[in-house]
Amino acid sequence: MQSDTATLPAAASRTPLLAVEDLALRFGGSASNVVDGVSFDVAAGETLCIVGESGCGKSVTSLALMGLLPMPPAEIVRGRALFEGRDLLALSRREIGKLRGDRMAMIFQEPMTSLNPVYTVGDQIAEIVRRHRPVGRTEARARALEMLERVKVPAAKRRLDDYPHQMSGGMRQRVMIAMALANDPRLLIADEPTTALDVTIQAQILDLMRELQQETGTALILITHDLGVVAEVADKVAVMYAGRIVETGPVGAIFDDPQHPYTLGLISSVPSLGERGGRLATIPGMVPTVDRMPAGCRFAPRCPFADAACRTEVPPLAEVAAGHAAACRYAPLERHFGDVA
């Protein structure tokens, strides 16, 4: 995919709608924090993409924000997540239940396992509406129809009474988007919403989400490992590795001037549509498990630039340019290694 900045949704306001500050989370009995010192923010109308390999803590972070992690075994070690001035991490289950599906909503990766197979899609959307709005069955069903039409489900009136198994993967994902947006949330978190779809349907879903976001001004946090998707939709990017944010900045800065070796490796490993000049670059090794987290920089065992200090010192997330920060002792990289990109 090619970046098309002309179509990126502009943030309605740069005042953060959600501000996550120094979030640390672990599971009972684990030796290290599975999410460690994570900070980011997103404004109304803005798209933040959180990117990284599987196992980097992206989904766990989103589930913690939505209050969907069982506690215990999960435990918030420290940090805040201020949403409309309220700390999501300090709310009771009842309080966050009132927000979830109303002021904030989530789209999950696999709609076939997220939708209830024994209820029609119309009933499932209507249930979300009735949970948070003082409306009757008729009004809720009318809203469900309106939402299916809004997400461009063909023959929406007839499909209201379909069950999830009667729909294609792309149509089920549209239903998930309809459910998430049914109550006009201020914040939408989408966890790998296009992973199971073919590239044509993927493009349609991304276009739909972008169009709806521009209409509503919803803040969007998109979790993905697909840098093509990031280039297509992001305003800002947070690169996550082994539970930590290692680089963050505007999408243009991340792609044009990556300042963390992990970000550099991710971008270098993306196939090009141009003439092939050799083998694709790879990042050796794997993301460490939570019980084997390195003591210093967690990327050091896989980093081509790491030295002894990298293996003992935790690098802070430091600004390398306006709005662009990287957690690397050697950033900016070109100062030490020349044109590494």
C-alpha atoms as a PDB file:
ATOM      1  CA  MET A   1       0.000   0.000   0.000  1.00  0.00           C
ATOM      2  CA  GLN A   2       1.119   3.520  -0.672  1.00  0.00           C
ATOM      3  CA  SER A   3       0.757   6.337   1.834  1.00  0.00           C
ATOM      4  CA  ASP A   4      -1.859   8.858   0.775  1.00  0.00           C
ATOM      5  CA  THR A   5      -1.536  11.739   3.175  1.00  0.00           C
ATOM      6  CA  ALA A   6      -4.217  13.728   1.360  1.00  0.00           C
ATOM      7  CA  THR A   7      -6.863  11.318   2.673  1.00  0.00           C
ATOM      8  CA  LEU A   8      -5.596  10.960   6.235  1.00  0.00           C
ATOM      9  CA  PRO A   9      -8.140  12.177   8.792  1.00  0.00           C
ATOM     10  CA  ALA A  10      -6.995  15.378  10.458  1.00  0.00           C
ATOM     11  CA  ALA A  11      -7.280  15.508  14.221  1.00  0.00           C
ATOM     12  CA  ALA A  12     -10.131  17.740  15.287  1.00  0.00           C
ATOM     13  CA  SER A  13      -8.169  18.734  18.351  1.00  0.00           C
ATOM     14  CA  ARG A  14      -4.623  18.061  19.560  1.00  0.00           C
ATOM     15  CA  THR A  15      -5.816  17.889  23.165  1.00  0.00           C
ATOM     16  CA  PRO A  16      -5.546  14.177  23.994  1.00  0.00           C
ATOM     17  CA  LEU A  17      -8.823  12.340  24.346  1.00  0.00           C
ATOM     18  CA  LEU A  18      -6.884   9.402  25.810  1.00  0.00           C
ATOM     19  CA  ALA A  19      -3.504   9.784  27.480  1.00  0.00           C
ATOM     20  CA  VAL A  20      -1.743   6.636  28.693  1.00  0.00           C
ATOM     21  CA  GLU A  21       1.056   7.403  31.135  1.00  0.00           C
ATOM     22  CA  ASP A  22       3.757   4.918  32.237  1.00  0.00           C
ATOM     23  CA  LEU A  23       1.491   1.871  32.070  1.00  0.00           C
ATOM     24  CA  ALA A  24       3.049  -1.276  33.539  1.00  0.00           C
ATOM     25  CA  LEU A  25       1.203  -4.584  33.752  1.00  0.00           C
ATOM     26  CA  ARG A  26       2.147  -8.107  34.704  1.00  0.00           C
ATOM     27  CA  PHE A  27       0.530 -11.477  35.183  1.00  0.00           C
ATOM     28  CA  GLY A  28       0.710 -13.292  38.497  1.00  0.00           C
ATOM     29  CA  GLY A  29       3.868 -15.336  38.894  1.00  0.00           C
ATOM     30  CA  SER A  30       5.699 -13.777  35.932  1.00  0.00           C
ATOM     31  CA  ALA A  31       9.241 -12.520  36.380  1.00  0.00           C
ATOM     32  CA  SER A  32       8.819  -9.335  34.321  1.00  0.00           C
ATOM     33  CA  ASN A  33       6.162  -6.838  33.315  1.00  0.00           C
ATOM     34  CA  VAL A  34       4.452  -7.912  30.101  1.00  0.00           C
ATOM     35  CA  VAL A  35       3.739  -4.206  29.460  1.00  0.00           C
ATOM     36  CA  ASP A  36       6.402  -1.919  30.892  1.00  0.00           C
ATOM     37  CA  GLY A  37       6.337   1.871  31.061  1.00  0.00           C
ATOM     38  CA  VAL A  38       4.079   2.415  28.035  1.00  0.00           C
ATOM     39  CA  SER A  39       2.981   5.993  27.288  1.00  0.00           C
ATOM     40  CA  PHE A  40       1.049   7.380  24.313  1.00  0.00           C
ATOM     41  CA  ASP A  41      -1.902   9.630  23.553  1.00  0.00           C
ATOM     42  CA  VAL A  42      -4.505  10.121  20.859  1.00  0.00           C
ATOM     43  CA  ALA A  43      -6.759  13.079  20.091  1.00  0.00           C
ATOM     44  CA  ALA A  44     -10.280  13.235  18.669  1.00  0.00           C
ATOM     45  CA  GLY A  45     -10.241  12.570  14.928  1.00  0.00           C
ATOM     46  CA  GLU A  46      -6.703  11.202  15.088  1.00  0.00           C
ATOM     47  CA  THR A  47      -5.402   7.731  14.197  1.00  0.00           C
ATOM     48  CA  LEU A  48      -2.629   6.199  16.281  1.00  0.00           C
ATOM     49  CA  CYS A  49      -1.195   2.927  14.994  1.00  0.00           C
ATOM     50  CA  ILE A  50       0.542   0.655  17.497  1.00  0.00           C
ATOM     51  CA  VAL A  51       2.800  -1.648  15.516  1.00  0.00           C
ATOM     52  CA  GLY A  52       5.061  -4.577  16.347  1.00  0.00           C
ATOM     53  CA  GLU A  53       5.461  -8.337  16.060  1.00  0.00           C
ATOM     54  CA  SER A  54       3.123 -10.803  17.728  1.00  0.00           C
ATOM     55  CA  GLY A  55       3.933 -11.078  21.424  1.00  0.00           C
ATOM     56  CA  CYS A  56       5.014  -7.448  21.839  1.00  0.00           C
ATOM     57  CA  GLY A  57       2.118  -6.552  24.167  1.00  0.00           C
ATOM     58  CA  LYS A  58      -0.090  -4.601  21.763  1.00  0.00           C
ATOM     59  CA  SER A  59      -3.308  -6.532  22.365  1.00  0.00           C
ATOM     60  CA  VAL A  60      -2.723  -6.847  26.110  1.00  0.00           C
ATOM     61  CA  THR A  61      -2.410  -3.062  26.306  1.00  0.00           C
ATOM     62  CA  SER A  62      -5.708  -2.564  24.489  1.00  0.00           C
ATOM     63  CA  LEU A  63      -7.519  -5.148  26.622  1.00  0.00           C
ATOM     64  CA  ALA A  64      -6.249  -3.453  29.782  1.00  0.00           C
ATOM     65  CA  LEU A  65      -7.592  -0.100  28.591  1.00  0.00           C
ATOM     66  CA  MET A  66     -10.987  -1.654  27.855  1.00  0.00           C
ATOM     67  CA  GLY A  67     -11.135  -3.391  31.237  1.00  0.00           C
ATOM     68  CA  LEU A  68     -11.239  -6.829  29.591  1.00  0.00           C
ATOM     69  CA  LEU A  69      -8.323  -8.472  31.420  1.00  0.00           C
ATOM     70  CA  PRO A  70      -9.207 -10.693  34.383  1.00  0.00           C
ATOM     71  CA  MET A  71      -7.641  -9.269  37.552  1.00  0.00           C
ATOM     72  CA  PRO A  72      -6.140 -11.447  38.928  1.00  0.00           C
ATOM     73  CA  PRO A  73      -4.109 -12.957  37.296  1.00  0.00           C
ATOM     74  CA  ALA A  74      -3.423  -9.625  35.534  1.00  0.00           C
ATOM     75  CA  GLU A  75      -2.201  -6.789  37.749  1.00  0.00           C
ATOM     76  CA  ILE A  76      -1.690  -3.093  37.014  1.00  0.00           C
ATOM     77  CA  VAL A  77       1.723  -2.319  38.516  1.00  0.00           C
ATOM     78  CA  ARG A  78       1.644   1.422  37.864  1.00  0.00           C
ATOM     79  CA  GLY A  79       0.445   4.078  35.461  1.00  0.00           C
ATOM     80  CA  ARG A  80      -2.693   5.949  34.408  1.00  0.00           C
ATOM     81  CA  ALA A  81      -4.966   5.990  31.358  1.00  0.00           C
ATOM     82  CA  LEU A  82      -6.860   9.275  31.337  1.00  0.00           C
ATOM     83  CA  PHE A  83      -9.954   9.184  29.124  1.00  0.00           C
ATOM     84  CA  GLU A  84     -12.076  12.314  29.161  1.00  0.00           C
ATOM     85  CA  GLY A  85     -10.381  13.171  32.450  1.00  0.00           C
ATOM     86  CA  ARG A  86     -11.096   9.812  34.143  1.00  0.00           C
ATOM     87  CA  ASP A  87      -8.476   7.163  34.881  1.00  0.00           C
ATOM     88  CA  LEU A  88      -9.714   3.989  33.183  1.00  0.00           C
ATOM     89  CA  LEU A  89      -7.378   1.866  35.288  1.00  0.00           C
ATOM     90  CA  ALA A  90      -8.922   3.112  38.531  1.00  0.00           C
ATOM     91  CA  LEU A  91     -12.567   2.493  37.570  1.00  0.00           C
ATOM     92  CA  SER A  92     -14.637  -0.336  38.999  1.00  0.00           C
ATOM     93  CA  ARG A  93     -15.855  -3.108  36.683  1.00  0.00           C
ATOM     94  CA  ARG A  94     -19.327  -1.556  36.795  1.00  0.00           C
ATOM     95  CA  GLU A  95     -18.038   1.914  35.903  1.00  0.00           C
ATOM     96  CA  ILE A  96     -15.901   0.777  32.983  1.00  0.00           C
ATOM     97  CA  GLY A  97     -18.768  -1.452  31.821  1.00  0.00           C
ATOM     98  CA  LYS A  98     -20.870   1.680  31.382  1.00  0.00           C
ATOM     99  CA  LEU A  99     -18.189   3.242  29.183  1.00  0.00           C
ATOM    100  CA  ARG A 100     -17.402   0.135  27.134  1.00  0.00           C
ATOM    101  CA  GLY A 101     -19.660  -0.055  24.102  1.00  0.00           C
ATOM    102  CA  ASP A 102     -20.785   3.522  24.668  1.00  0.00           C
ATOM    103  CA  ARG A 103     -18.054   6.166  25.006  1.00  0.00           C
ATOM    104  CA  MET A 104     -15.355   3.728  23.881  1.00  0.00           C
ATOM    105  CA  ALA A 105     -15.558   0.570  21.821  1.00  0.00           C
ATOM    106  CA  MET A 106     -13.372  -2.154  20.364  1.00  0.00           C
ATOM    107  CA  ILE A 107     -13.222  -4.116  17.114  1.00  0.00           C
ATOM    108  CA  PHE A 108     -11.607  -7.521  17.512  1.00  0.00           C
ATOM    109  CA  GLN A 109      -9.400  -9.438  15.105  1.00  0.00           C
ATOM    110  CA  GLU A 110     -11.675 -12.378  14.311  1.00  0.00           C
ATOM    111  CA  PRO A 111     -15.389 -11.552  14.026  1.00  0.00           C
ATOM    112  CA  MET A 112     -16.446 -15.192  13.789  1.00  0.00           C
ATOM    113  CA  THR A 113     -15.342 -15.762  17.386  1.00  0.00           C
ATOM    114  CA  SER A 114     -16.439 -12.310  18.600  1.00  0.00           C
ATOM    115  CA  LEU A 115     -20.022 -12.488  17.309  1.00  0.00           C
ATOM    116  CA  ASN A 116     -22.496 -14.761  19.085  1.00  0.00           C
ATOM    117  CA  PRO A 117     -23.398 -17.590  16.676  1.00  0.00           C
ATOM    118  CA  VAL A 118     -26.915 -18.142  18.094  1.00  0.00           C
ATOM    119  CA  TYR A 119     -28.219 -14.561  17.695  1.00  0.00           C
ATOM    120  CA  THR A 120     -28.895 -12.652  14.495  1.00  0.00           C
ATOM    121  CA  VAL A 121     -26.592  -9.759  13.697  1.00  0.00           C
ATOM    122  CA  GLY A 122     -29.531  -7.355  14.013  1.00  0.00           C
ATOM    123  CA  ASP A 123     -30.281  -8.561  17.547  1.00  0.00           C
ATOM    124  CA  GLN A 124     -26.619  -8.246  18.529  1.00  0.00           C
ATOM    125  CA  ILE A 125     -26.363  -4.645  17.337  1.00  0.00           C
ATOM    126  CA  ALA A 126     -29.705  -3.792  18.934  1.00  0.00           C
ATOM    127  CA  GLU A 127     -28.571  -5.282  22.252  1.00  0.00           C
ATOM    128  CA  ILE A 128     -25.585  -2.901  22.326  1.00  0.00           C
ATOM    129  CA  VAL A 129     -27.913   0.049  21.708  1.00  0.00           C
ATOM    130  CA  ARG A 130     -30.417  -0.973  24.393  1.00  0.00           C
ATOM    131  CA  ARG A 131     -27.674  -1.545  26.948  1.00  0.00           C
ATOM    132  CA  HIS A 132     -26.604   2.086  26.804  1.00  0.00           C
ATOM    133  CA  ARG A 133     -29.651   3.980  25.488  1.00  0.00           C
ATOM    134  CA  PRO A 134     -33.212   4.266  26.908  1.00  0.00           C
ATOM    135  CA  VAL A 135     -34.899   2.885  23.794  1.00  0.00           C
ATOM    136  CA  GLY A 136     -37.312   0.056  23.047  1.00  0.00           C
ATOM    137  CA  ARG A 137     -36.900  -2.923  20.739  1.00  0.00           C
ATOM    138  CA  THR A 138     -38.334  -1.160  17.696  1.00  0.00           C
ATOM    139  CA  GLU A 139     -36.040   1.842  18.032  1.00  0.00           C
ATOM    140  CA  ALA A 140     -33.018  -0.367  18.695  1.00  0.00           C
ATOM    141  CA  ARG A 141     -33.768  -2.476  15.623  1.00  0.00           C
ATOM    142  CA  ALA A 142     -34.123   0.685  13.537  1.00  0.00           C
ATOM    143  CA  ARG A 143     -30.724   1.809  14.780  1.00  0.00           C
ATOM    144  CA  ALA A 144     -29.260  -1.601  13.896  1.00  0.00           C
ATOM    145  CA  LEU A 145     -30.594  -1.249  10.362  1.00  0.00           C
ATOM    146  CA  GLU A 146     -29.215   2.275  10.140  1.00  0.00           C
ATOM    147  CA  MET A 147     -25.781   1.045  11.199  1.00  0.00           C
ATOM    148  CA  LEU A 148     -25.722  -1.849   8.718  1.00  0.00           C
ATOM    149  CA  GLU A 149     -26.572   0.618   5.971  1.00  0.00           C
ATOM    150  CA  ARG A 150     -23.909   2.983   7.265  1.00  0.00           C
ATOM    151  CA  VAL A 151     -21.210   0.322   6.999  1.00  0.00           C
ATOM    152  CA  LYS A 152     -22.470  -0.526   3.494  1.00  0.00           C
ATOM    153  CA  VAL A 153     -23.819  -4.013   4.050  1.00  0.00           C
ATOM    154  CA  PRO A 154     -25.803  -4.855   0.865  1.00  0.00           C
ATOM    155  CA  ALA A 155     -29.525  -5.572   1.345  1.00  0.00           C
ATOM    156  CA  ALA A 156     -29.154  -4.452   4.951  1.00  0.00           C
ATOM    157  CA  LYS A 157     -32.831  -4.906   5.857  1.00  0.00           C
ATOM    158  CA  ARG A 158     -32.714  -8.571   4.862  1.00  0.00           C
ATOM    159  CA  ARG A 159     -29.286  -9.180   6.436  1.00  0.00           C
ATOM    160  CA  LEU A 160     -30.565  -7.946   9.823  1.00  0.00           C
ATOM    161  CA  ASP A 161     -31.966 -11.413  10.427  1.00  0.00           C
ATOM    162  CA  ASP A 162     -28.897 -13.314   9.232  1.00  0.00           C
ATOM    163  CA  TYR A 163     -26.703 -15.249  11.629  1.00  0.00           C
ATOM    164  CA  PRO A 164     -22.924 -14.685  11.576  1.00  0.00           C
ATOM    165  CA  HIS A 165     -22.225 -17.974   9.776  1.00  0.00           C
ATOM    166  CA  GLN A 166     -24.401 -16.815   6.878  1.00  0.00           C
ATOM    167  CA  MET A 167     -22.051 -13.911   6.150  1.00  0.00           C
ATOM    168  CA  SER A 168     -18.603 -13.683   4.587  1.00  0.00           C
ATOM    169  CA  GLY A 169     -15.582 -12.610   6.627  1.00  0.00           C
ATOM    170  CA  GLY A 170     -15.718  -9.100   5.196  1.00  0.00           C
ATOM    171  CA  MET A 171     -19.439  -8.750   5.981  1.00  0.00           C
ATOM    172  CA  ARG A 172     -18.909 -10.026   9.531  1.00  0.00           C
ATOM    173  CA  GLN A 173     -16.191  -7.440  10.048  1.00  0.00           C
ATOM    174  CA  ARG A 174     -18.591  -4.741   8.822  1.00  0.00           C
ATOM    175  CA  VAL A 175     -21.086  -5.974  11.413  1.00  0.00           C
ATOM    176  CA  MET A 176     -18.395  -5.674  14.104  1.00  0.00           C
ATOM    177  CA  ILE A 177     -17.724  -2.090  13.008  1.00  0.00           C
ATOM    178  CA  ALA A 178     -21.463  -1.371  13.073  1.00  0.00           C
ATOM    179  CA  MET A 179     -21.695  -2.726  16.639  1.00  0.00           C
ATOM    180  CA  ALA A 180     -18.671  -0.720  17.757  1.00  0.00           C
ATOM    181  CA  LEU A 181     -20.028   2.545  16.317  1.00  0.00           C
ATOM    182  CA  ALA A 182     -23.693   2.030  17.211  1.00  0.00           C
ATOM    183  CA  ASN A 183     -23.540   4.409  20.190  1.00  0.00           C
ATOM    184  CA  ASP A 184     -21.191   6.966  18.564  1.00  0.00           C
ATOM    185  CA  PRO A 185     -18.126   6.294  20.764  1.00  0.00           C
ATOM    186  CA  ARG A 186     -15.443   8.939  21.213  1.00  0.00           C
ATOM    187  CA  LEU A 187     -12.672   6.299  21.166  1.00  0.00           C
ATOM    188  CA  LEU A 188     -12.414   3.217  18.966  1.00  0.00           C
ATOM    189  CA  ILE A 189      -9.733   0.537  19.402  1.00  0.00           C
ATOM    190  CA  ALA A 190      -9.298  -1.841  16.460  1.00  0.00           C
ATOM    191  CA  ASP A 191      -7.130  -4.895  17.134  1.00  0.00           C
ATOM    192  CA  GLU A 192      -5.845  -6.314  13.828  1.00  0.00           C
ATOM    193  CA  PRO A 193      -9.266  -5.761  12.187  1.00  0.00           C
ATOM    194  CA  THR A 194      -8.178  -6.843   8.692  1.00  0.00           C
ATOM    195  CA  THR A 195      -5.720  -9.687   9.370  1.00  0.00           C
ATOM    196  CA  ALA A 196      -8.027 -12.545   8.312  1.00  0.00           C
ATOM    197  CA  LEU A 197      -9.263 -10.780   5.160  1.00  0.00           C
ATOM    198  CA  ASP A 198      -7.913 -10.839   1.618  1.00  0.00           C
ATOM    199  CA  VAL A 199      -6.242  -7.678   0.349  1.00  0.00           C
ATOM    200  CA  THR A 200      -9.252  -6.399  -1.612  1.00  0.00           C
ATOM    201  CA  ILE A 201     -11.638  -6.705   1.343  1.00  0.00           C
ATOM    202  CA  GLN A 202      -8.901  -5.348   3.628  1.00  0.00           C
ATOM    203  CA  ALA A 203      -8.696  -2.172   1.553  1.00  0.00           C
ATOM    204  CA  GLN A 204     -12.489  -1.802   1.630  1.00  0.00           C
ATOM    205  CA  ILE A 205     -12.606  -2.168   5.430  1.00  0.00           C
ATOM    206  CA  LEU A 206      -9.807   0.377   5.907  1.00  0.00           C
ATOM    207  CA  ASP A 207     -11.527   2.842   3.578  1.00  0.00           C
ATOM    208  CA  LEU A 208     -14.779   2.331   5.471  1.00  0.00           C
ATOM    209  CA  MET A 209     -13.162   2.921   8.871  1.00  0.00           C
ATOM    210  CA  ARG A 210     -11.435   6.054   7.597  1.00  0.00           C
ATOM    211  CA  GLU A 211     -14.659   7.391   6.078  1.00  0.00           C
ATOM    212  CA  LEU A 212     -16.656   6.789   9.264  1.00  0.00           C
ATOM    213  CA  GLN A 213     -13.918   8.358  11.363  1.00  0.00           C
ATOM    214  CA  GLN A 214     -13.976  11.494   9.229  1.00  0.00           C
ATOM    215  CA  GLU A 215     -17.761  11.676   9.661  1.00  0.00           C
ATOM    216  CA  THR A 216     -17.749  11.229  13.423  1.00  0.00           C
ATOM    217  CA  GLY A 217     -14.397  12.612  14.632  1.00  0.00           C
ATOM    218  CA  THR A 218     -13.754   9.417  16.597  1.00  0.00           C
ATOM    219  CA  ALA A 219     -10.244   8.850  17.923  1.00  0.00           C
ATOM    220  CA  LEU A 220      -8.864   5.575  16.536  1.00  0.00           C
ATOM    221  CA  ILE A 221      -6.173   3.314  17.967  1.00  0.00           C
ATOM    222  CA  LEU A 222      -5.309   0.719  15.338  1.00  0.00           C
ATOM    223  CA  ILE A 223      -3.211  -2.258  16.447  1.00  0.00           C
ATOM    224  CA  THR A 224      -1.403  -4.013  13.629  1.00  0.00           C
ATOM    225  CA  HIS A 225       1.795  -5.703  12.487  1.00  0.00           C
ATOM    226  CA  ASP A 226       1.188  -4.619   8.865  1.00  0.00           C
ATOM    227  CA  LEU A 227       3.306  -1.594   7.937  1.00  0.00           C
ATOM    228  CA  GLY A 228       1.341  -1.207   4.709  1.00  0.00           C
ATOM    229  CA  VAL A 229      -1.779  -0.558   6.774  1.00  0.00           C
ATOM    230  CA  VAL A 230       0.171   1.865   8.968  1.00  0.00           C
ATOM    231  CA  ALA A 231       1.341   3.869   5.951  1.00  0.00           C
ATOM    232  CA  GLU A 232      -2.212   3.984   4.644  1.00  0.00           C
ATOM    233  CA  VAL A 233      -4.121   5.223   7.698  1.00  0.00           C
ATOM    234  CA  ALA A 234      -1.879   6.491  10.531  1.00  0.00           C
ATOM    235  CA  ASP A 235      -1.391  10.035  11.764  1.00  0.00           C
ATOM    236  CA  LYS A 236       0.965   8.874  14.522  1.00  0.00           C
ATOM    237  CA  VAL A 237       2.824   5.613  15.119  1.00  0.00           C
ATOM    238  CA  ALA A 238       3.982   3.902  18.300  1.00  0.00           C
ATOM    239  CA  VAL A 239       6.405   1.016  17.681  1.00  0.00           C
ATOM    240  CA  MET A 240       6.193  -1.579  20.446  1.00  0.00           C
ATOM    241  CA  TYR A 241       8.713  -4.277  21.278  1.00  0.00           C
ATOM    242  CA  ALA A 242       8.633  -6.747  24.176  1.00  0.00           C
ATOM    243  CA  GLY A 243       6.164  -4.673  26.166  1.00  0.00           C
ATOM    244  CA  ARG A 244       7.841  -1.288  25.667  1.00  0.00           C
ATOM    245  CA  ILE A 245       7.343   1.608  23.266  1.00  0.00           C
ATOM    246  CA  VAL A 246      10.687   1.886  21.451  1.00  0.00           C
ATOM    247  CA  GLU A 247       9.808   4.644  18.987  1.00  0.00           C
ATOM    248  CA  THR A 248       6.950   7.060  18.454  1.00  0.00           C
ATOM    249  CA  GLY A 249       6.254   9.941  16.116  1.00  0.00           C
ATOM    250  CA  PRO A 250       4.312  11.186  13.075  1.00  0.00           C
ATOM    251  CA  VAL A 251       3.876   8.532  10.400  1.00  0.00           C
ATOM    252  CA  GLY A 252       6.088  10.425   7.943  1.00  0.00           C
ATOM    253  CA  ALA A 253       8.967  10.634  10.408  1.00  0.00           C
ATOM    254  CA  ILE A 254       8.743   6.943  11.294  1.00  0.00           C
ATOM    255  CA  PHE A 255       8.917   5.813   7.671  1.00  0.00           C
ATOM    256  CA  ASP A 256      11.326   8.440   6.350  1.00  0.00           C
ATOM    257  CA  ASP A 257      13.710   8.615   9.303  1.00  0.00           C
ATOM    258  CA  PRO A 258      13.418   5.567  11.600  1.00  0.00           C
ATOM    259  CA  GLN A 259      15.575   6.036  14.701  1.00  0.00           C
ATOM    260  CA  HIS A 260      15.338   2.701  16.502  1.00  0.00           C
ATOM    261  CA  PRO A 261      17.044  -0.442  15.140  1.00  0.00           C
ATOM    262  CA  TYR A 262      13.819  -2.415  15.607  1.00  0.00           C
ATOM    263  CA  THR A 263      11.796   0.064  13.540  1.00  0.00           C
ATOM    264  CA  LEU A 264      14.545   0.027  10.930  1.00  0.00           C
ATOM    265  CA  GLY A 265      14.393  -3.773  10.808  1.00  0.00           C
ATOM    266  CA  LEU A 266      10.601  -3.819  10.451  1.00  0.00           C
ATOM    267  CA  ILE A 267      10.654  -1.347   7.567  1.00  0.00           C
ATOM    268  CA  SER A 268      13.578  -3.094   5.844  1.00  0.00           C
ATOM    269  CA  SER A 269      11.744  -6.431   5.932  1.00  0.00           C
ATOM    270  CA  VAL A 270       8.714  -5.151   3.979  1.00  0.00           C
ATOM    271  CA  PRO A 271       8.630  -6.486   0.391  1.00  0.00           C
ATOM    272  CA  SER A 272       8.877  -3.879  -2.361  1.00  0.00           C
ATOM    273  CA  LEU A 273       6.726  -3.768  -5.492  1.00  0.00           C
ATOM    274  CA  GLY A 274       9.751  -2.620  -7.491  1.00  0.00           C
ATOM    275  CA  GLU A 275      12.518  -4.683  -9.023  1.00  0.00           C
ATOM    276  CA  ARG A 276      13.949  -7.198  -6.561  1.00  0.00           C
ATOM    277  CA  GLY A 277      17.575  -6.400  -5.726  1.00  0.00           C
ATOM    278  CA  GLY A 278      18.342  -9.303  -3.383  1.00  0.00           C
ATOM    279  CA  ARG A 279      16.984 -11.161  -0.365  1.00  0.00           C
ATOM    280  CA  LEU A 280      14.634  -9.413   2.019  1.00  0.00           C
ATOM    281  CA  ALA A 281      16.181  -8.145   5.235  1.00  0.00           C
ATOM    282  CA  THR A 282      15.213 -10.066   8.360  1.00  0.00           C
ATOM    283  CA  ILE A 283      15.440  -9.522  12.103  1.00  0.00           C
ATOM    284  CA  PRO A 284      17.247 -12.516  13.645  1.00  0.00           C
ATOM    285  CA  GLY A 285      15.786 -14.234  16.681  1.00  0.00           C
ATOM    286  CA  MET A 286      12.381 -13.884  18.310  1.00  0.00           C
ATOM    287  CA  VAL A 287      10.523 -11.609  20.726  1.00  0.00           C
ATOM    288  CA  PRO A 288      11.526 -12.733  24.252  1.00  0.00           C
ATOM    289  CA  THR A 289       8.937 -14.428  26.428  1.00  0.00           C
ATOM    290  CA  VAL A 290       7.864 -12.688  29.618  1.00  0.00           C
ATOM    291  CA  ASP A 291       9.965 -15.028  31.773  1.00  0.00           C
ATOM    292  CA  ARG A 292      13.121 -14.336  29.730  1.00  0.00           C
ATOM    293  CA  MET A 293      13.136 -10.578  29.317  1.00  0.00           C
ATOM    294  CA  PRO A 294      16.670  -9.116  28.910  1.00  0.00           C
ATOM    295  CA  ALA A 295      17.890  -6.860  31.701  1.00  0.00           C
ATOM    296  CA  GLY A 296      18.715  -3.760  29.644  1.00  0.00           C
ATOM    297  CA  CYS A 297      17.326  -2.864  26.242  1.00  0.00           C
ATOM    298  CA  ARG A 298      14.943  -5.701  25.432  1.00  0.00           C
ATOM    299  CA  PHE A 299      15.908  -5.570  21.755  1.00  0.00           C
ATOM    300  CA  ALA A 300      19.654  -5.864  22.467  1.00  0.00           C
ATOM    301  CA  PRO A 301      19.922  -9.652  21.797  1.00  0.00           C
ATOM    302  CA  ARG A 302      18.624  -9.082  18.237  1.00  0.00           C
ATOM    303  CA  CYS A 303      20.200  -5.673  17.565  1.00  0.00           C
ATOM    304  CA  PRO A 304      23.155  -5.368  15.146  1.00  0.00           C
ATOM    305  CA  PHE A 305      24.397  -2.232  16.956  1.00  0.00           C
ATOM    306  CA  ALA A 306      24.147  -3.426  20.580  1.00  0.00           C
ATOM    307  CA  ASP A 307      27.145  -3.257  22.911  1.00  0.00           C
ATOM    308  CA  ALA A 308      27.702  -4.296  26.519  1.00  0.00           C
ATOM    309  CA  ALA A 309      25.996  -1.174  27.911  1.00  0.00           C
ATOM    310  CA  CYS A 310      22.854  -1.900  25.876  1.00  0.00           C
ATOM    311  CA  ARG A 311      22.532  -5.215  27.693  1.00  0.00           C
ATOM    312  CA  THR A 312      22.530  -3.633  31.142  1.00  0.00           C
ATOM    313  CA  GLU A 313      21.011  -0.128  30.759  1.00  0.00           C
ATOM    314  CA  VAL A 314      17.348   0.550  29.963  1.00  0.00           C
ATOM    315  CA  PRO A 315      17.322   3.368  27.364  1.00  0.00           C
ATOM    316  CA  PRO A 316      14.745   6.113  27.963  1.00  0.00           C
ATOM    317  CA  LEU A 317      12.339   7.203  25.238  1.00  0.00           C
ATOM    318  CA  ALA A 318      14.094  10.450  24.255  1.00  0.00           C
ATOM    319  CA  GLU A 319      13.148  13.034  21.639  1.00  0.00           C
ATOM    320  CA  VAL A 320      15.284  13.015  18.480  1.00  0.00           C
ATOM    321  CA  ALA A 321      13.194  15.608  16.607  1.00  0.00           C
ATOM    322  CA  ALA A 322       9.999  17.541  17.265  1.00  0.00           C
ATOM    323  CA  GLY A 323       7.346  14.979  18.207  1.00  0.00           C
ATOM    324  CA  HIS A 324       9.663  12.066  17.323  1.00  0.00           C
ATOM    325  CA  ALA A 325      11.240   9.962  20.083  1.00  0.00           C
ATOM    326  CA  ALA A 326      13.260   6.743  20.231  1.00  0.00           C
ATOM    327  CA  ALA A 327      14.462   4.505  23.072  1.00  0.00           C
ATOM    328  CA  CYS A 328      17.995   3.825  21.842  1.00  0.00           C
ATOM    329  CA  ARG A 329      21.362   4.878  23.279  1.00  0.00           C
ATOM    330  CA  TYR A 330      22.595   5.562  19.745  1.00  0.00           C
ATOM    331  CA  ALA A 331      19.705   7.670  18.438  1.00  0.00           C
ATOM    332  CA  PRO A 332      19.959   9.513  16.146  1.00  0.00           C
ATOM    333  CA  LEU A 333      21.442   6.480  14.400  1.00  0.00           C
ATOM    334  CA  GLU A 334      23.066   8.342  11.497  1.00  0.00           C
ATOM    335  CA  ARG A 335      25.267  10.256  13.917  1.00  0.00           C
ATOM    336  CA  HIS A 336      26.960   7.004  14.929  1.00  0.00           C
ATOM    337  CA  PHE A 337      26.493   4.672  11.976  1.00  0.00           C
ATOM    338  CA  GLY A 338      25.977   6.911   8.948  1.00  0.00           C
ATOM    339  CA  ASP A 339      23.045   6.295   6.590  1.00  0.00           C
ATOM    340  CA  VAL A 340      21.786   3.021   8.098  1.00  0.00           C
ATOM    341  CA  ALA A 341      18.450   3.251   6.249  1.00  0.00           C
END
